[in-house]
């Protein structure tokens, strides 16, 4: 049977779930409208190891082993959540940059939006790359770096959403300018053709 120390061993794991993992999972669901299957599998494995601690033939040694395995799965749950959310934010920024390609949004908030966006983007990429390099070397450091990337991902997402009205204005301005430039080019061609049609007979007569 489980020893009296089991509760003390499991409390930190459940605290991680309640205070970290649960909120990350909820964020994934809110942003993607899906429950991550791989996280579900890790939660199932986590609970399975906890359940084995409560079997009648569980010894102190087997309980220690099961708690360590459960802790490993909890770490993996948090790790996977951060990775999935960082992929989401990377795609979110990529789609945004594609949407505003060639659009001048340096005028938003006197250039502060442009500056903050670029700083956050650089930080996200830097933290994500560093986290990936540390995955096989230092798992805890990797998780902390993914967390920092995630925190900045939330900031850049909020920044874009909060300035959506101004961004749309910049996009409309860019499209109007683009249409006007095309019109000027077409008008130039027409004017050139008309002038050419007028001048050509005169030139031909003069040459002949």
Foldseek 3Di string as FASTA:
>chain_A
DADPCLCVLCVVLVCCCVPALVVLQVVCCVLVVDRDPVLVVLVVLLVVLVVVNPDPPHDPVSNVVSSVSSSVSSLVSLVVSLVVLLVVLVVVVVVVCVLQPVFDLCPPPVNPLVVLLVVLVVLLVVLQVVLVVCVVPPVVSSSVSSVVSNVSSVVNVCSCVVCVVSSVVSSVVVVVVVVVVVVVVVVVVVVVVVVCVVCVVVVVVVVD
